[in-house]
Amino acid sequence: MRFKTILTAAALLAAAPAMAQTPPAGRGSNTATVAELAALCATPAGASGYAESNGLCRGFIGGFAQYHAALTQPGTRHRPLFCVPNPAPTGAQAAAAFATWAQANPQAANELAVDGLARWFIATYPCPQPPARRGAR
């Protein structure tokens, strides 16, 4: 499984220059934006380049989710930012939902893809609030 994650990350890094347009000031040319990731995720199944776009989109989302899960495992000091339900959505469902969110939030278009993805996960899969401690003042 780690090998697949490493391959996905390598593919994202290799494809980033092709996805990049003019980089926003202060960012490198290999930095993907929310709009670029959403465009990959919204590529229709019959379109040319669908397999590559779909793989990059789902790999980016899956890699982010796995990294978050690894950092927030029980016993670590990090609380989860979001809580994906069980069963989790499929890769196709997550890709479509992120693309829809990005379209509904155009103000996020030029943000880093990873920041927008975090916003989407947090808005879509909020964690339950812990119960209030009794007697706390």
Foldseek 3Di string as FASTA:
>chain_A
DVVVLVVLVVLLQVCQLVLFDDADPPDDRSFDFLQSLLVLLPDDPVDPCVVVSLSNNLSVLVSLVVVQCVQPPPPHPDHHLFDADVVGDDSNVLSVQSSVVCVVCVVRGNPGNSVSSSVSRNVPGPDDDPDDDPPDD
